[in-house]
Amino acid sequence: MKAAQGRRASRSHLVPLIDGLSQVPYWLLVTVLLAIVFMWSIVANSDYRVIFDAVRKGLWTTIYVSIIAYTLATLLGLLLSLMRVYRSRLPQEISSFYVEIIRGIPMLVILYYITFVGAPALVQALNWLGTPLINAGIVAEINVRKVNFVVRAILALTIGYSAFISEIFRAGITSIEKDQMEAAQTEGASYWQAMRYILLPQAVRNILPALGNEFIAMLKDSSLVSALGVQDITQLGKVYSASTFKFFETYNVVAFLYLVMTMGLALSVRSLEKWLELH
């Protein structure tokens, strides 16, 4: 009798687990299975182990370039969106001009332009502005060659993605009813106080999943910095495959690393969406 009750109790504990597994998408299960198989191949196959050791050195570069560029792009995008929804026409026109121009240029072109045109022009402008200090020996003249390609790549990604993030913020702000702004100003709040304490918190909550997806897109587009020779995952994979002619194995590892990062972030974004729906 007690044994039967124990079996029923154990089955009752398994029911939630079975129900949870039944709701997991089949594509996700297949993806996880393939990831496990590939991880086993890396462990068991000496060629894959060597390739993985060579490529993983660029993992940190990929991550910190993406994080820094995304943080700066988010701040710049927020500023541009606030300018675009402001009541004065001049900030609106400036922001609209920037956003429409940048969104119309491919990311790779922006990367090349900022690296070989924008960065030298910026250094030249800074040296010109600091001429009195340079002549007085207070500061040294900036050499454009000392501005490494990682900094230029981060600047390019920041500029490119700030335009898209600006549109996400603008959509979130305009989705909030205008009555809330009017009510806040009626109670004595200024425009910026109402924006900071009432509209922006609601807008950010609504656009968090979209911002998460934008970070995933930036993580993938960070592979473009390999065109500048930045030692990220893609560049190290390109160098290793060119020297060993093991293109299939090398790019399998490169694709696997990107897939693990992007799938992990995608699942996190979906979990965030569900959490926001429940709260």
C-alpha atoms as a PDB file:
ATOM      1  CA  MET A   1       0.000   0.000   0.000  1.00  0.00           C
ATOM      2  CA  LYS A   2       2.742   2.419   0.975  1.00  0.00           C
ATOM      3  CA  ALA A   3       4.770   1.441  -2.107  1.00  0.00           C
ATOM      4  CA  ALA A   4       1.802   2.226  -4.349  1.00  0.00           C
ATOM      5  CA  GLN A   5       1.331   5.586  -2.677  1.00  0.00           C
ATOM      6  CA  GLY A   6       5.032   6.313  -3.144  1.00  0.00           C
ATOM      7  CA  ARG A   7       4.803   5.515  -6.870  1.00  0.00           C
ATOM      8  CA  ARG A   8       1.766   7.776  -7.242  1.00  0.00           C
ATOM      9  CA  ALA A   9       3.582  10.570  -5.388  1.00  0.00           C
ATOM     10  CA  SER A  10       6.658  10.248  -7.623  1.00  0.00           C
ATOM     11  CA  ARG A  11       4.444  10.316 -10.725  1.00  0.00           C
ATOM     12  CA  SER A  12       2.692  13.440  -9.450  1.00  0.00           C
ATOM     13  CA  HIS A  13       6.095  15.135  -9.157  1.00  0.00           C
ATOM     14  CA  LEU A  14       6.962  14.139 -12.721  1.00  0.00           C
ATOM     15  CA  VAL A  15       3.773  15.591 -14.233  1.00  0.00           C
ATOM     16  CA  PRO A  16       4.914  19.262 -14.121  1.00  0.00           C
ATOM     17  CA  LEU A  17       8.286  18.263 -15.580  1.00  0.00           C
ATOM     18  CA  ILE A  18       6.651  16.325 -18.417  1.00  0.00           C
ATOM     19  CA  ASP A  19       4.239  19.190 -19.117  1.00  0.00           C
ATOM     20  CA  GLY A  20       7.139  21.634 -19.178  1.00  0.00           C
ATOM     21  CA  LEU A  21       9.127  19.500 -21.616  1.00  0.00           C
ATOM     22  CA  SER A  22       6.078  19.076 -23.859  1.00  0.00           C
ATOM     23  CA  GLN A  23       5.936  22.865 -24.286  1.00  0.00           C
ATOM     24  CA  VAL A  24       9.568  23.155 -25.381  1.00  0.00           C
ATOM     25  CA  PRO A  25       9.753  23.814 -29.154  1.00  0.00           C
ATOM     26  CA  TYR A  26      11.081  20.902 -31.211  1.00  0.00           C
ATOM     27  CA  TRP A  27      13.535  23.175 -33.026  1.00  0.00           C
ATOM     28  CA  LEU A  28      15.087  24.105 -29.687  1.00  0.00           C
ATOM     29  CA  LEU A  29      15.479  20.474 -28.664  1.00  0.00           C
ATOM     30  CA  VAL A  30      17.110  19.675 -32.005  1.00  0.00           C
ATOM     31  CA  THR A  31      19.424  22.683 -31.640  1.00  0.00           C
ATOM     32  CA  VAL A  32      20.466  21.655 -28.136  1.00  0.00           C
ATOM     33  CA  LEU A  33      21.078  18.100 -29.329  1.00  0.00           C
ATOM     34  CA  LEU A  34      23.256  19.316 -32.192  1.00  0.00           C
ATOM     35  CA  ALA A  35      25.154  21.597 -29.796  1.00  0.00           C
ATOM     36  CA  ILE A  36      25.853  18.666 -27.480  1.00  0.00           C
ATOM     37  CA  VAL A  37      27.033  16.541 -30.415  1.00  0.00           C
ATOM     38  CA  PHE A  38      29.312  19.321 -31.648  1.00  0.00           C
ATOM     39  CA  MET A  39      30.718  19.925 -28.162  1.00  0.00           C
ATOM     40  CA  TRP A  40      31.517  16.237 -27.954  1.00  0.00           C
ATOM     41  CA  SER A  41      33.270  16.490 -31.327  1.00  0.00           C
ATOM     42  CA  ILE A  42      35.414  19.345 -29.997  1.00  0.00           C
ATOM     43  CA  VAL A  43      36.364  17.269 -26.969  1.00  0.00           C
ATOM     44  CA  ALA A  44      36.956  14.010 -28.850  1.00  0.00           C
ATOM     45  CA  ASN A  45      38.502  15.318 -32.084  1.00  0.00           C
ATOM     46  CA  SER A  46      42.040  16.679 -31.827  1.00  0.00           C
ATOM     47  CA  ASP A  47      41.644  18.887 -34.916  1.00  0.00           C
ATOM     48  CA  TYR A  48      38.565  20.556 -33.482  1.00  0.00           C
ATOM     49  CA  ARG A  49      40.303  21.040 -30.131  1.00  0.00           C
ATOM     50  CA  VAL A  50      43.214  22.822 -31.785  1.00  0.00           C
ATOM     51  CA  ILE A  51      40.863  24.999 -33.851  1.00  0.00           C
ATOM     52  CA  PHE A  52      38.737  25.814 -30.814  1.00  0.00           C
ATOM     53  CA  ASP A  53      41.815  26.844 -28.810  1.00  0.00           C
ATOM     54  CA  ALA A  54      42.943  29.081 -31.671  1.00  0.00           C
ATOM     55  CA  VAL A  55      39.567  30.735 -32.250  1.00  0.00           C
ATOM     56  CA  ARG A  56      38.335  31.140 -28.675  1.00  0.00           C
ATOM     57  CA  LYS A  57      41.054  33.730 -28.025  1.00  0.00           C
ATOM     58  CA  GLY A  58      38.917  36.179 -30.008  1.00  0.00           C
ATOM     59  CA  LEU A  59      35.824  35.472 -27.920  1.00  0.00           C
ATOM     60  CA  TRP A  60      36.578  38.216 -25.400  1.00  0.00           C
ATOM     61  CA  THR A  61      37.191  40.736 -28.186  1.00  0.00           C
ATOM     62  CA  THR A  62      33.822  39.927 -29.753  1.00  0.00           C
ATOM     63  CA  ILE A  63      32.037  40.265 -26.412  1.00  0.00           C
ATOM     64  CA  TYR A  64      33.566  43.508 -25.173  1.00  0.00           C
ATOM     65  CA  VAL A  65      33.355  45.230 -28.573  1.00  0.00           C
ATOM     66  CA  SER A  66      29.646  44.341 -28.701  1.00  0.00           C
ATOM     67  CA  ILE A  67      28.932  45.418 -25.117  1.00  0.00           C
ATOM     68  CA  ILE A  68      30.774  48.752 -25.300  1.00  0.00           C
ATOM     69  CA  ALA A  69      29.370  49.640 -28.731  1.00  0.00           C
ATOM     70  CA  TYR A  70      25.851  48.668 -27.702  1.00  0.00           C
ATOM     71  CA  THR A  71      26.002  50.707 -24.493  1.00  0.00           C
ATOM     72  CA  LEU A  72      27.198  53.802 -26.350  1.00  0.00           C
ATOM     73  CA  ALA A  73      24.678  53.250 -29.167  1.00  0.00           C
ATOM     74  CA  THR A  74      21.844  52.972 -26.632  1.00  0.00           C
ATOM     75  CA  LEU A  75      22.795  56.249 -24.951  1.00  0.00           C
ATOM     76  CA  LEU A  76      23.175  58.043 -28.283  1.00  0.00           C
ATOM     77  CA  GLY A  77      19.955  56.479 -29.587  1.00  0.00           C
ATOM     78  CA  LEU A  78      18.051  57.662 -26.520  1.00  0.00           C
ATOM     79  CA  LEU A  79      19.366  61.204 -27.019  1.00  0.00           C
ATOM     80  CA  LEU A  80      18.371  61.154 -30.698  1.00  0.00           C
ATOM     81  CA  SER A  81      14.889  59.869 -29.891  1.00  0.00           C
ATOM     82  CA  LEU A  82      14.357  62.602 -27.277  1.00  0.00           C
ATOM     83  CA  MET A  83      15.405  65.174 -29.863  1.00  0.00           C
ATOM     84  CA  ARG A  84      13.003  63.685 -32.388  1.00  0.00           C
ATOM     85  CA  VAL A  85       9.953  63.848 -30.105  1.00  0.00           C
ATOM     86  CA  TYR A  86      10.807  67.284 -28.736  1.00  0.00           C
ATOM     87  CA  ARG A  87       8.433  70.146 -29.509  1.00  0.00           C
ATOM     88  CA  SER A  88      11.076  72.340 -31.137  1.00  0.00           C
ATOM     89  CA  ARG A  89      11.536  71.710 -34.861  1.00  0.00           C
ATOM     90  CA  LEU A  90      15.326  72.193 -35.044  1.00  0.00           C
ATOM     91  CA  PRO A  91      16.226  69.203 -32.814  1.00  0.00           C
ATOM     92  CA  GLN A  92      13.659  67.127 -34.696  1.00  0.00           C
ATOM     93  CA  GLU A  93      15.223  67.957 -38.056  1.00  0.00           C
ATOM     94  CA  ILE A  94      18.780  67.314 -36.847  1.00  0.00           C
ATOM     95  CA  SER A  95      17.854  63.943 -35.364  1.00  0.00           C
ATOM     96  CA  SER A  96      15.772  62.938 -38.393  1.00  0.00           C
ATOM     97  CA  PHE A  97      18.610  63.834 -40.760  1.00  0.00           C
ATOM     98  CA  TYR A  98      21.102  61.736 -38.774  1.00  0.00           C
ATOM     99  CA  VAL A  99      18.781  58.735 -38.424  1.00  0.00           C
ATOM    100  CA  GLU A 100      17.650  58.623 -42.057  1.00  0.00           C
ATOM    101  CA  ILE A 101      21.181  59.032 -43.439  1.00  0.00           C
ATOM    102  CA  ILE A 102      22.775  56.404 -41.192  1.00  0.00           C
ATOM    103  CA  ARG A 103      19.970  53.874 -41.696  1.00  0.00           C
ATOM    104  CA  GLY A 104      20.418  54.156 -45.460  1.00  0.00           C
ATOM    105  CA  ILE A 105      24.104  53.150 -45.435  1.00  0.00           C
ATOM    106  CA  PRO A 106      25.259  49.510 -45.062  1.00  0.00           C
ATOM    107  CA  MET A 107      27.032  48.729 -41.796  1.00  0.00           C
ATOM    108  CA  LEU A 108      30.210  47.604 -43.569  1.00  0.00           C
ATOM    109  CA  VAL A 109      30.416  50.896 -45.469  1.00  0.00           C
ATOM    110  CA  ILE A 110      29.975  52.830 -42.207  1.00  0.00           C
ATOM    111  CA  LEU A 111      32.752  50.723 -40.709  1.00  0.00           C
ATOM    112  CA  TYR A 112      35.156  51.543 -43.529  1.00  0.00           C
ATOM    113  CA  TYR A 113      34.130  55.200 -43.633  1.00  0.00           C
ATOM    114  CA  ILE A 114      34.592  55.798 -39.907  1.00  0.00           C
ATOM    115  CA  THR A 115      37.862  53.866 -39.858  1.00  0.00           C
ATOM    116  CA  PHE A 116      39.603  55.448 -42.830  1.00  0.00           C
ATOM    117  CA  VAL A 117      37.832  58.825 -43.126  1.00  0.00           C
ATOM    118  CA  GLY A 118      36.009  59.708 -39.921  1.00  0.00           C
ATOM    119  CA  ALA A 119      38.706  58.797 -37.391  1.00  0.00           C
ATOM    120  CA  PRO A 120      41.538  60.669 -39.186  1.00  0.00           C
ATOM    121  CA  ALA A 121      39.247  63.691 -39.648  1.00  0.00           C
ATOM    122  CA  LEU A 122      38.323  63.631 -35.957  1.00  0.00           C
ATOM    123  CA  VAL A 123      41.978  63.450 -34.896  1.00  0.00           C
ATOM    124  CA  GLN A 124      42.837  66.299 -37.239  1.00  0.00           C
ATOM    125  CA  ALA A 125      40.009  68.407 -35.801  1.00  0.00           C
ATOM    126  CA  LEU A 126      41.092  67.698 -32.219  1.00  0.00           C
ATOM    127  CA  ASN A 127      44.686  68.652 -33.047  1.00  0.00           C
ATOM    128  CA  TRP A 128      43.461  71.868 -34.661  1.00  0.00           C
ATOM    129  CA  LEU A 129      41.330  72.782 -31.646  1.00  0.00           C
ATOM    130  CA  GLY A 130      44.191  71.987 -29.282  1.00  0.00           C
ATOM    131  CA  THR A 131      46.846  73.890 -31.262  1.00  0.00           C
ATOM    132  CA  PRO A 132      47.477  76.486 -28.486  1.00  0.00           C
ATOM    133  CA  LEU A 133      47.902  73.712 -25.904  1.00  0.00           C
ATOM    134  CA  ILE A 134      50.129  71.713 -28.258  1.00  0.00           C
ATOM    135  CA  ASN A 135      52.333  74.750 -29.020  1.00  0.00           C
ATOM    136  CA  ALA A 136      52.617  75.453 -25.304  1.00  0.00           C
ATOM    137  CA  GLY A 137      53.764  71.894 -24.671  1.00  0.00           C
ATOM    138  CA  ILE A 138      50.850  71.160 -22.347  1.00  0.00           C
ATOM    139  CA  VAL A 139      49.498  68.292 -24.427  1.00  0.00           C
ATOM    140  CA  ALA A 140      50.991  66.214 -27.202  1.00  0.00           C
ATOM    141  CA  GLU A 141      49.672  66.079 -30.728  1.00  0.00           C
ATOM    142  CA  ILE A 142      47.457  63.062 -31.359  1.00  0.00           C
ATOM    143  CA  ASN A 143      48.808  60.611 -33.900  1.00  0.00           C
ATOM    144  CA  VAL A 144      46.046  58.942 -35.880  1.00  0.00           C
ATOM    145  CA  ARG A 145      48.079  55.737 -36.012  1.00  0.00           C
ATOM    146  CA  LYS A 146      47.740  55.443 -32.246  1.00  0.00           C
ATOM    147  CA  VAL A 147      43.939  55.233 -32.565  1.00  0.00           C
ATOM    148  CA  ASN A 148      43.734  51.468 -32.931  1.00  0.00           C
ATOM    149  CA  PHE A 149      41.185  49.701 -35.085  1.00  0.00           C
ATOM    150  CA  VAL A 150      39.249  48.346 -32.107  1.00  0.00           C
ATOM    151  CA  VAL A 151      38.349  51.896 -31.044  1.00  0.00           C
ATOM    152  CA  ARG A 152      37.407  52.785 -34.624  1.00  0.00           C
ATOM    153  CA  ALA A 153      35.261  49.656 -34.926  1.00  0.00           C
ATOM    154  CA  ILE A 154      33.431  50.456 -31.678  1.00  0.00           C
ATOM    155  CA  LEU A 155      32.817  54.010 -32.892  1.00  0.00           C
ATOM    156  CA  ALA A 156      31.447  52.736 -36.216  1.00  0.00           C
ATOM    157  CA  LEU A 157      29.112  50.207 -34.576  1.00  0.00           C
ATOM    158  CA  THR A 158      27.943  52.890 -32.161  1.00  0.00           C
ATOM    159  CA  ILE A 159      27.072  55.286 -34.965  1.00  0.00           C
ATOM    160  CA  GLY A 160      25.442  52.614 -37.112  1.00  0.00           C
ATOM    161  CA  TYR A 161      23.242  51.095 -34.423  1.00  0.00           C
ATOM    162  CA  SER A 162      22.327  54.343 -32.651  1.00  0.00           C
ATOM    163  CA  ALA A 163      20.048  55.226 -35.568  1.00  0.00           C
ATOM    164  CA  PHE A 164      18.087  51.974 -35.276  1.00  0.00           C
ATOM    165  CA  ILE A 165      17.939  52.105 -31.478  1.00  0.00           C
ATOM    166  CA  SER A 166      16.707  55.694 -31.742  1.00  0.00           C
ATOM    167  CA  GLU A 167      13.702  54.482 -33.730  1.00  0.00           C
ATOM    168  CA  ILE A 168      12.989  51.821 -31.113  1.00  0.00           C
ATOM    169  CA  PHE A 169      12.994  54.432 -28.343  1.00  0.00           C
ATOM    170  CA  ARG A 170      10.864  56.797 -30.416  1.00  0.00           C
ATOM    171  CA  ALA A 171       8.302  54.074 -31.064  1.00  0.00           C
ATOM    172  CA  GLY A 172       8.180  53.280 -27.347  1.00  0.00           C
ATOM    173  CA  ILE A 173       7.723  56.924 -26.356  1.00  0.00           C
ATOM    174  CA  THR A 174       5.039  57.653 -28.955  1.00  0.00           C
ATOM    175  CA  SER A 175       3.130  54.511 -27.914  1.00  0.00           C
ATOM    176  CA  ILE A 176       2.386  56.136 -24.529  1.00  0.00           C
ATOM    177  CA  GLU A 177      -0.811  58.182 -24.493  1.00  0.00           C
ATOM    178  CA  LYS A 178      -0.239  61.927 -24.766  1.00  0.00           C
ATOM    179  CA  ASP A 179      -2.800  62.487 -22.006  1.00  0.00           C
ATOM    180  CA  GLN A 180      -0.191  61.368 -19.464  1.00  0.00           C
ATOM    181  CA  MET A 181       2.201  64.109 -20.521  1.00  0.00           C
ATOM    182  CA  GLU A 182      -0.559  66.699 -20.430  1.00  0.00           C
ATOM    183  CA  ALA A 183      -1.750  65.515 -17.009  1.00  0.00           C
ATOM    184  CA  ALA A 184       1.776  65.667 -15.582  1.00  0.00           C
ATOM    185  CA  GLN A 185       2.321  69.188 -16.886  1.00  0.00           C
ATOM    186  CA  THR A 186      -1.070  70.209 -15.501  1.00  0.00           C
ATOM    187  CA  GLU A 187       0.132  69.071 -12.077  1.00  0.00           C
ATOM    188  CA  GLY A 188       3.166  71.343 -12.398  1.00  0.00           C
ATOM    189  CA  ALA A 189       5.808  68.971 -13.819  1.00  0.00           C
ATOM    190  CA  SER A 190       8.099  70.263 -16.529  1.00  0.00           C
ATOM    191  CA  TYR A 191       8.384  68.561 -19.919  1.00  0.00           C
ATOM    192  CA  TRP A 192      11.630  66.805 -18.979  1.00  0.00           C
ATOM    193  CA  GLN A 193      10.342  65.776 -15.550  1.00  0.00           C
ATOM    194  CA  ALA A 194       7.280  64.183 -17.122  1.00  0.00           C
ATOM    195  CA  MET A 195       9.461  62.504 -19.721  1.00  0.00           C
ATOM    196  CA  ARG A 196      11.920  61.176 -17.139  1.00  0.00           C
ATOM    197  CA  TYR A 197       9.545  59.970 -14.450  1.00  0.00           C
ATOM    198  CA  ILE A 198       6.381  59.040 -16.387  1.00  0.00           C
ATOM    199  CA  LEU A 199       6.862  58.391 -20.110  1.00  0.00           C
ATOM    200  CA  LEU A 200      10.376  56.949 -20.292  1.00  0.00           C
ATOM    201  CA  PRO A 201       9.912  54.229 -17.613  1.00  0.00           C
ATOM    202  CA  GLN A 202       6.814  52.953 -19.423  1.00  0.00           C
ATOM    203  CA  ALA A 203       8.466  53.209 -22.844  1.00  0.00           C
ATOM    204  CA  VAL A 204      11.605  51.337 -21.737  1.00  0.00           C
ATOM    205  CA  ARG A 205       9.483  48.540 -20.275  1.00  0.00           C
ATOM    206  CA  ASN A 206       7.666  48.166 -23.603  1.00  0.00           C
ATOM    207  CA  ILE A 207      10.780  48.147 -25.756  1.00  0.00           C
ATOM    208  CA  LEU A 208      13.091  45.953 -23.646  1.00  0.00           C
ATOM    209  CA  PRO A 209      12.562  42.878 -25.885  1.00  0.00           C
ATOM    210  CA  ALA A 210      13.272  44.960 -28.992  1.00  0.00           C
ATOM    211  CA  LEU A 211      16.444  46.333 -27.421  1.00  0.00           C
ATOM    212  CA  GLY A 212      17.495  42.770 -26.589  1.00  0.00           C
ATOM    213  CA  ASN A 213      17.004  41.711 -30.205  1.00  0.00           C
ATOM    214  CA  GLU A 214      19.058  44.692 -31.326  1.00  0.00           C
ATOM    215  CA  PHE A 215      21.936  43.542 -29.114  1.00  0.00           C
ATOM    216  CA  ILE A 216      21.769  40.103 -30.732  1.00  0.00           C
ATOM    217  CA  ALA A 217      21.982  41.772 -34.148  1.00  0.00           C
ATOM    218  CA  MET A 218      24.993  43.812 -33.025  1.00  0.00           C
ATOM    219  CA  LEU A 219      26.728  40.720 -31.680  1.00  0.00           C
ATOM    220  CA  LYS A 220      26.438  39.130 -35.112  1.00  0.00           C
ATOM    221  CA  ASP A 221      27.437  42.307 -36.941  1.00  0.00           C
ATOM    222  CA  SER A 222      30.519  42.595 -34.731  1.00  0.00           C
ATOM    223  CA  SER A 223      31.998  39.967 -37.048  1.00  0.00           C
ATOM    224  CA  LEU A 224      32.373  42.775 -39.602  1.00  0.00           C
ATOM    225  CA  VAL A 225      35.273  44.197 -37.585  1.00  0.00           C
ATOM    226  CA  SER A 226      37.328  41.294 -38.898  1.00  0.00           C
ATOM    227  CA  ALA A 227      37.522  43.285 -42.154  1.00  0.00           C
ATOM    228  CA  LEU A 228      39.797  45.683 -40.256  1.00  0.00           C
ATOM    229  CA  GLY A 229      41.990  42.914 -38.900  1.00  0.00           C
ATOM    230  CA  VAL A 230      40.561  43.127 -35.372  1.00  0.00           C
ATOM    231  CA  GLN A 231      41.330  39.828 -33.651  1.00  0.00           C
ATOM    232  CA  ASP A 232      37.777  38.664 -33.011  1.00  0.00           C
ATOM    233  CA  ILE A 233      36.377  35.154 -33.544  1.00  0.00           C
ATOM    234  CA  THR A 234      35.827  35.621 -37.269  1.00  0.00           C
ATOM    235  CA  GLN A 235      39.275  37.085 -37.926  1.00  0.00           C
ATOM    236  CA  LEU A 236      41.083  34.352 -36.003  1.00  0.00           C
ATOM    237  CA  GLY A 237      39.038  31.748 -37.833  1.00  0.00           C
ATOM    238  CA  LYS A 238      39.923  33.335 -41.160  1.00  0.00           C
ATOM    239  CA  VAL A 239      43.630  33.407 -40.321  1.00  0.00           C
ATOM    240  CA  TYR A 240      43.678  29.821 -39.069  1.00  0.00           C
ATOM    241  CA  SER A 241      41.732  28.414 -42.021  1.00  0.00           C
ATOM    242  CA  ALA A 242      43.925  30.279 -44.511  1.00  0.00           C
ATOM    243  CA  SER A 243      47.080  28.794 -42.972  1.00  0.00           C
ATOM    244  CA  THR A 244      45.791  25.213 -42.588  1.00  0.00           C
ATOM    245  CA  PHE A 245      43.172  25.003 -45.390  1.00  0.00           C
ATOM    246  CA  LYS A 246      40.757  23.457 -42.866  1.00  0.00           C
ATOM    247  CA  PHE A 247      37.922  25.759 -43.849  1.00  0.00           C
ATOM    248  CA  PHE A 248      35.077  23.343 -43.069  1.00  0.00           C
ATOM    249  CA  GLU A 249      36.216  22.530 -39.545  1.00  0.00           C
ATOM    250  CA  THR A 250      37.251  26.105 -38.718  1.00  0.00           C
ATOM    251  CA  TYR A 251      34.031  27.770 -39.766  1.00  0.00           C
ATOM    252  CA  ASN A 252      32.057  25.050 -38.024  1.00  0.00           C
ATOM    253  CA  VAL A 253      33.684  26.189 -34.781  1.00  0.00           C
ATOM    254  CA  VAL A 254      33.187  29.882 -35.591  1.00  0.00           C
ATOM    255  CA  ALA A 255      29.504  29.331 -36.405  1.00  0.00           C
ATOM    256  CA  PHE A 256      29.064  27.223 -33.267  1.00  0.00           C
ATOM    257  CA  LEU A 257      30.467  29.951 -31.000  1.00  0.00           C
ATOM    258  CA  TYR A 258      28.239  32.618 -32.521  1.00  0.00           C
ATOM    259  CA  LEU A 259      25.238  30.293 -32.349  1.00  0.00           C
ATOM    260  CA  VAL A 260      25.778  29.556 -28.663  1.00  0.00           C
ATOM    261  CA  MET A 261      25.964  33.270 -27.829  1.00  0.00           C
ATOM    262  CA  THR A 262      23.026  34.365 -29.968  1.00  0.00           C
ATOM    263  CA  MET A 263      20.782  31.452 -28.948  1.00  0.00           C
ATOM    264  CA  GLY A 264      21.507  32.113 -25.289  1.00  0.00           C
ATOM    265  CA  LEU A 265      20.629  35.777 -25.719  1.00  0.00           C
ATOM    266  CA  ALA A 266      17.516  34.959 -27.754  1.00  0.00           C
ATOM    267  CA  LEU A 267      16.215  32.631 -25.026  1.00  0.00           C
ATOM    268  CA  SER A 268      16.933  35.323 -22.444  1.00  0.00           C
ATOM    269  CA  VAL A 269      14.939  37.863 -24.476  1.00  0.00           C
ATOM    270  CA  ARG A 270      11.997  35.449 -24.758  1.00  0.00           C
ATOM    271  CA  SER A 271      12.091  34.819 -21.028  1.00  0.00           C
ATOM    272  CA  LEU A 272      12.085  38.570 -20.479  1.00  0.00           C
ATOM    273  CA  GLU A 273       9.057  38.949 -22.753  1.00  0.00           C
ATOM    274  CA  LYS A 274       7.132  36.314 -20.781  1.00  0.00           C
ATOM    275  CA  TRP A 275       8.125  37.916 -17.485  1.00  0.00           C
ATOM    276  CA  LEU A 276       6.917  41.325 -18.681  1.00  0.00           C
ATOM    277  CA  GLU A 277       3.596  39.796 -19.765  1.00  0.00           C
ATOM    278  CA  LEU A 278       3.069  38.350 -16.279  1.00  0.00           C
ATOM    279  CA  HIS A 279       4.026  41.552 -14.472  1.00  0.00           C
END
